[in-house]
Amino acid sequence: MLLKSGEALEGLRTIVKVADEHPDYGFANAAVLSLAVNTGDMERAREILRRVRLPRRIDPREYLIWLRAQHQYLAAIGKADLARNVEQMIRRIEREFGC
């Protein structure tokens, strides 16, 4: 069952709040970065990329989600070479960690 629009909006607000308060939390920041790219808000996407500071030790799945959001951003702004590099990193991590 799909969420009602009010519930979905409240969920998005919560994710954005968590991302804003925790620049080290990859899951929430990846979700907001992806949302910014999907809605064409590249200024917000760039701001997220500038402020996010992932921890040195991070769960591989969290890192993969963050990399996928970065890949989406790079592809959207036409940085195909960089997007390919990130895609290669994603594949390598998936193989290594079985994610």
N, C-alpha and C. Protein backbone atom coordinates (compact mmCIF):
# COMPACT_ATOMS: atom_id res chain seq x y z
N MET A 1 0.84 -1.18 0.00
CA MET A 1 0.00 0.00 0.00
C MET A 1 0.88 1.25 0.00
N LEU A 2 0.58 2.17 -0.87
CA LEU A 2 1.34 3.41 -0.92
C LEU A 2 0.98 4.31 0.24
N LEU A 3 1.96 5.05 0.69
CA LEU A 3 1.69 6.00 1.76
C LEU A 3 0.78 7.11 1.26
N LYS A 4 -0.04 7.61 2.15
CA LYS A 4 -0.83 8.78 1.81
C LYS A 4 0.13 9.94 1.61
N SER A 5 -0.23 10.90 0.79
CA SER A 5 0.69 11.98 0.46
C SER A 5 1.17 12.73 1.70
N GLY A 6 0.32 12.92 2.69
CA GLY A 6 0.73 13.60 3.91
C GLY A 6 1.76 12.80 4.69
N GLU A 7 1.59 11.48 4.73
CA GLU A 7 2.55 10.62 5.41
C GLU A 7 3.89 10.62 4.67
N ALA A 8 3.83 10.56 3.36
CA ALA A 8 5.04 10.56 2.55
C ALA A 8 5.79 11.88 2.74
N LEU A 9 5.07 12.98 2.74
CA LEU A 9 5.70 14.28 2.92
C LEU A 9 6.34 14.39 4.29
N GLU A 10 5.67 13.90 5.32
CA GLU A 10 6.24 13.93 6.66
C GLU A 10 7.48 13.05 6.73
N GLY A 11 7.45 11.91 6.06
CA GLY A 11 8.63 11.04 6.00
C GLY A 11 9.81 11.72 5.34
N LEU A 12 9.54 12.42 4.23
CA LEU A 12 10.60 13.16 3.55
C LEU A 12 11.17 14.27 4.43
N ARG A 13 10.30 14.95 5.15
CA ARG A 13 10.77 16.01 6.07
C ARG A 13 11.70 15.42 7.13
N THR A 14 11.34 14.26 7.63
CA THR A 14 12.16 13.61 8.65
C THR A 14 13.53 13.24 8.08
N ILE A 15 13.55 12.67 6.90
CA ILE A 15 14.82 12.30 6.27
C ILE A 15 15.70 13.53 6.04
N VAL A 16 15.10 14.61 5.55
CA VAL A 16 15.85 15.84 5.31
C VAL A 16 16.40 16.39 6.63
N LYS A 17 15.60 16.35 7.68
CA LYS A 17 16.04 16.85 8.99
C LYS A 17 17.21 16.02 9.51
N VAL A 18 17.11 14.71 9.42
CA VAL A 18 18.19 13.84 9.87
C VAL A 18 19.46 14.12 9.06
N ALA A 19 19.33 14.25 7.76
CA ALA A 19 20.48 14.53 6.90
C ALA A 19 21.12 15.86 7.27
N ASP A 20 20.31 16.88 7.50
CA ASP A 20 20.84 18.20 7.85
C ASP A 20 21.57 18.17 9.20
N GLU A 21 21.04 17.40 10.13
CA GLU A 21 21.63 17.35 11.48
C GLU A 21 22.82 16.40 11.58
N HIS A 22 22.94 15.47 10.63
CA HIS A 22 23.98 14.44 10.71
C HIS A 22 24.71 14.29 9.38
N PRO A 23 25.69 15.17 9.12
CA PRO A 23 26.42 15.09 7.85
C PRO A 23 27.25 13.81 7.71
N ASP A 24 27.31 13.02 8.79
CA ASP A 24 28.07 11.77 8.74
C ASP A 24 27.17 10.55 8.50
N TYR A 25 25.88 10.78 8.30
CA TYR A 25 24.95 9.66 8.11
C TYR A 25 24.67 9.49 6.62
N GLY A 26 25.32 8.50 6.03
CA GLY A 26 25.26 8.31 4.59
C GLY A 26 23.89 7.97 4.04
N PHE A 27 23.11 7.14 4.75
CA PHE A 27 21.81 6.74 4.23
C PHE A 27 20.90 7.96 4.00
N ALA A 28 20.75 8.79 5.02
CA ALA A 28 19.86 9.95 4.90
C ALA A 28 20.38 10.94 3.88
N ASN A 29 21.67 11.21 3.91
CA ASN A 29 22.23 12.17 2.96
C ASN A 29 22.16 11.66 1.53
N ALA A 30 22.31 10.36 1.33
CA ALA A 30 22.16 9.80 -0.02
C ALA A 30 20.73 9.97 -0.50
N ALA A 31 19.77 9.75 0.39
CA ALA A 31 18.36 9.90 0.01
C ALA A 31 18.06 11.34 -0.39
N VAL A 32 18.58 12.30 0.39
CA VAL A 32 18.32 13.71 0.08
C VAL A 32 19.05 14.13 -1.19
N LEU A 33 20.28 13.64 -1.37
CA LEU A 33 21.01 13.93 -2.61
C LEU A 33 20.25 13.40 -3.81
N SER A 34 19.78 12.17 -3.73
CA SER A 34 19.02 11.58 -4.82
C SER A 34 17.73 12.36 -5.09
N LEU A 35 17.05 12.77 -4.04
CA LEU A 35 15.83 13.56 -4.19
C LEU A 35 16.14 14.90 -4.87
N ALA A 36 17.23 15.54 -4.45
CA ALA A 36 17.61 16.82 -5.06
C ALA A 36 17.88 16.64 -6.56
N VAL A 37 18.61 15.58 -6.91
CA VAL A 37 18.91 15.33 -8.33
C VAL A 37 17.62 15.04 -9.10
N ASN A 38 16.76 14.20 -8.54
CA ASN A 38 15.51 13.83 -9.22
C ASN A 38 14.58 15.02 -9.43
N THR A 39 14.65 16.01 -8.55
CA THR A 39 13.79 17.19 -8.69
C THR A 39 14.50 18.34 -9.40
N GLY A 40 15.75 18.10 -9.83
CA GLY A 40 16.49 19.13 -10.56
C GLY A 40 17.08 20.22 -9.69
N ASP A 41 17.14 20.01 -8.38
CA ASP A 41 17.68 21.01 -7.46
C ASP A 41 19.19 20.78 -7.30
N MET A 42 19.94 21.15 -8.33
CA MET A 42 21.37 20.89 -8.34
C MET A 42 22.12 21.75 -7.33
N GLU A 43 21.59 22.90 -7.00
CA GLU A 43 22.24 23.73 -5.97
C GLU A 43 22.19 22.99 -4.62
N ARG A 44 21.04 22.43 -4.30
CA ARG A 44 20.91 21.65 -3.06
C ARG A 44 21.82 20.43 -3.12
N ALA A 45 21.90 19.78 -4.26
CA ALA A 45 22.77 18.61 -4.42
C ALA A 45 24.23 18.99 -4.15
N ARG A 46 24.68 20.10 -4.73
CA ARG A 46 26.06 20.55 -4.51
C ARG A 46 26.31 20.89 -3.05
N GLU A 47 25.32 21.48 -2.40
CA GLU A 47 25.46 21.83 -0.98
C GLU A 47 25.60 20.56 -0.14
N ILE A 48 24.84 19.54 -0.46
CA ILE A 48 24.94 18.27 0.26
C ILE A 48 26.33 17.67 0.07
N LEU A 49 26.80 17.65 -1.15
CA LEU A 49 28.12 17.09 -1.43
C LEU A 49 29.23 17.84 -0.71
N ARG A 50 29.06 19.16 -0.55
CA ARG A 50 30.07 19.95 0.15
C ARG A 50 30.11 19.66 1.64
N ARG A 51 28.96 19.42 2.26
CA ARG A 51 28.93 19.32 3.71
C ARG A 51 29.00 17.92 4.28
N VAL A 52 28.71 16.92 3.49
CA VAL A 52 28.71 15.55 4.01
C VAL A 52 30.13 15.10 4.33
N ARG A 53 30.28 14.53 5.51
CA ARG A 53 31.56 13.98 5.97
C ARG A 53 31.31 12.58 6.52
N LEU A 54 31.48 11.61 5.67
CA LEU A 54 31.24 10.23 6.10
C LEU A 54 32.35 9.79 7.05
N PRO A 55 32.01 8.92 8.00
CA PRO A 55 33.03 8.45 8.94
C PRO A 55 34.06 7.56 8.24
N ARG A 56 35.24 7.45 8.85
CA ARG A 56 36.30 6.61 8.29
C ARG A 56 35.84 5.16 8.19
N ARG A 57 35.16 4.70 9.22
CA ARG A 57 34.63 3.34 9.22
C ARG A 57 33.14 3.42 8.94
N ILE A 58 32.75 2.79 7.87
CA ILE A 58 31.35 2.88 7.44
C ILE A 58 30.92 1.51 6.92
N ASP A 59 29.69 1.18 7.17
CA ASP A 59 29.14 -0.07 6.65
C ASP A 59 29.19 -0.03 5.13
N PRO A 60 29.64 -1.12 4.49
CA PRO A 60 29.75 -1.11 3.03
C PRO A 60 28.43 -0.80 2.33
N ARG A 61 27.31 -1.25 2.89
CA ARG A 61 26.01 -0.98 2.25
C ARG A 61 25.68 0.51 2.30
N GLU A 62 26.01 1.15 3.42
CA GLU A 62 25.77 2.59 3.53
C GLU A 62 26.65 3.34 2.53
N TYR A 63 27.91 2.91 2.41
CA TYR A 63 28.82 3.55 1.46
C TYR A 63 28.34 3.35 0.02
N LEU A 64 27.84 2.15 -0.29
CA LEU A 64 27.33 1.90 -1.64
C LEU A 64 26.15 2.81 -1.97
N ILE A 65 25.26 2.98 -1.03
CA ILE A 65 24.10 3.86 -1.28
C ILE A 65 24.57 5.28 -1.51
N TRP A 66 25.55 5.73 -0.73
CA TRP A 66 26.10 7.07 -0.92
C TRP A 66 26.76 7.18 -2.30
N LEU A 67 27.53 6.17 -2.69
CA LEU A 67 28.17 6.20 -4.00
C LEU A 67 27.14 6.20 -5.13
N ARG A 68 26.07 5.46 -4.98
CA ARG A 68 25.03 5.45 -6.02
C ARG A 68 24.39 6.82 -6.18
N ALA A 69 24.19 7.52 -5.07
CA ALA A 69 23.63 8.87 -5.15
C ALA A 69 24.62 9.81 -5.83
N GLN A 70 25.90 9.67 -5.51
CA GLN A 70 26.93 10.48 -6.18
C GLN A 70 26.96 10.18 -7.68
N HIS A 71 26.86 8.91 -8.02
CA HIS A 71 26.84 8.50 -9.43
C HIS A 71 25.67 9.16 -10.15
N GLN A 72 24.52 9.14 -9.52
CA GLN A 72 23.33 9.76 -10.10
C GLN A 72 23.57 11.25 -10.35
N TYR A 73 24.17 11.94 -9.37
CA TYR A 73 24.47 13.36 -9.51
C TYR A 73 25.45 13.60 -10.66
N LEU A 74 26.54 12.84 -10.69
CA LEU A 74 27.55 13.03 -11.73
C LEU A 74 26.98 12.79 -13.12
N ALA A 75 26.14 11.76 -13.25
CA ALA A 75 25.50 11.50 -14.54
C ALA A 75 24.57 12.66 -14.92
N ALA A 76 23.87 13.20 -13.95
CA ALA A 76 22.91 14.28 -14.22
C ALA A 76 23.60 15.56 -14.68
N ILE A 77 24.83 15.80 -14.18
CA ILE A 77 25.52 17.03 -14.58
C ILE A 77 26.47 16.81 -15.76
N GLY A 78 26.42 15.61 -16.34
CA GLY A 78 27.19 15.34 -17.55
C GLY A 78 28.65 15.01 -17.32
N LYS A 79 29.00 14.56 -16.13
CA LYS A 79 30.38 14.17 -15.83
C LYS A 79 30.52 12.66 -16.01
N ALA A 80 30.45 12.23 -17.27
CA ALA A 80 30.42 10.80 -17.59
C ALA A 80 31.67 10.06 -17.12
N ASP A 81 32.85 10.65 -17.27
CA ASP A 81 34.08 9.99 -16.84
C ASP A 81 34.08 9.75 -15.34
N LEU A 82 33.72 10.77 -14.58
CA LEU A 82 33.66 10.62 -13.12
C LEU A 82 32.58 9.62 -12.72
N ALA A 83 31.46 9.66 -13.41
CA ALA A 83 30.37 8.72 -13.11
C ALA A 83 30.83 7.29 -13.36
N ARG A 84 31.60 7.06 -14.42
CA ARG A 84 32.13 5.72 -14.70
C ARG A 84 33.09 5.27 -13.60
N ASN A 85 33.92 6.19 -13.13
CA ASN A 85 34.84 5.85 -12.03
C ASN A 85 34.07 5.42 -10.79
N VAL A 86 33.04 6.16 -10.46
CA VAL A 86 32.22 5.81 -9.29
C VAL A 86 31.52 4.47 -9.52
N GLU A 87 31.05 4.26 -10.73
CA GLU A 87 30.39 2.99 -11.04
C GLU A 87 31.36 1.81 -10.87
N GLN A 88 32.60 2.00 -11.26
CA GLN A 88 33.61 0.95 -11.07
C GLN A 88 33.85 0.69 -9.58
N MET A 89 33.89 1.74 -8.78
CA MET A 89 34.03 1.58 -7.33
C MET A 89 32.86 0.79 -6.76
N ILE A 90 31.67 1.12 -7.23
CA ILE A 90 30.46 0.43 -6.76
C ILE A 90 30.58 -1.06 -7.06
N ARG A 91 30.94 -1.39 -8.27
CA ARG A 91 31.05 -2.81 -8.66
C ARG A 91 32.11 -3.53 -7.83
N ARG A 92 33.24 -2.87 -7.61
CA ARG A 92 34.33 -3.48 -6.83
C ARG A 92 33.87 -3.76 -5.39
N ILE A 93 33.20 -2.81 -4.78
CA ILE A 93 32.71 -2.99 -3.41
C ILE A 93 31.65 -4.06 -3.36
N GLU A 94 30.77 -4.07 -4.34
CA GLU A 94 29.72 -5.12 -4.39
C GLU A 94 30.36 -6.51 -4.45
N ARG A 95 31.38 -6.66 -5.28
CA ARG A 95 32.06 -7.96 -5.39
C ARG A 95 32.77 -8.32 -4.08
N GLU A 96 33.48 -7.35 -3.55
CA GLU A 96 34.30 -7.61 -2.36
C GLU A 96 33.47 -7.94 -1.12
N PHE A 97 32.36 -7.23 -0.95
CA PHE A 97 31.56 -7.38 0.26
C PHE A 97 30.27 -8.16 0.03
N GLY A 98 30.02 -8.55 -1.21
CA GLY A 98 28.80 -9.32 -1.49
C GLY A 98 27.52 -8.56 -1.23
N CYS A 99 27.56 -7.27 -1.47
CA CYS A 99 26.38 -6.42 -1.24
C CYS A 99 25.48 -6.40 -2.46
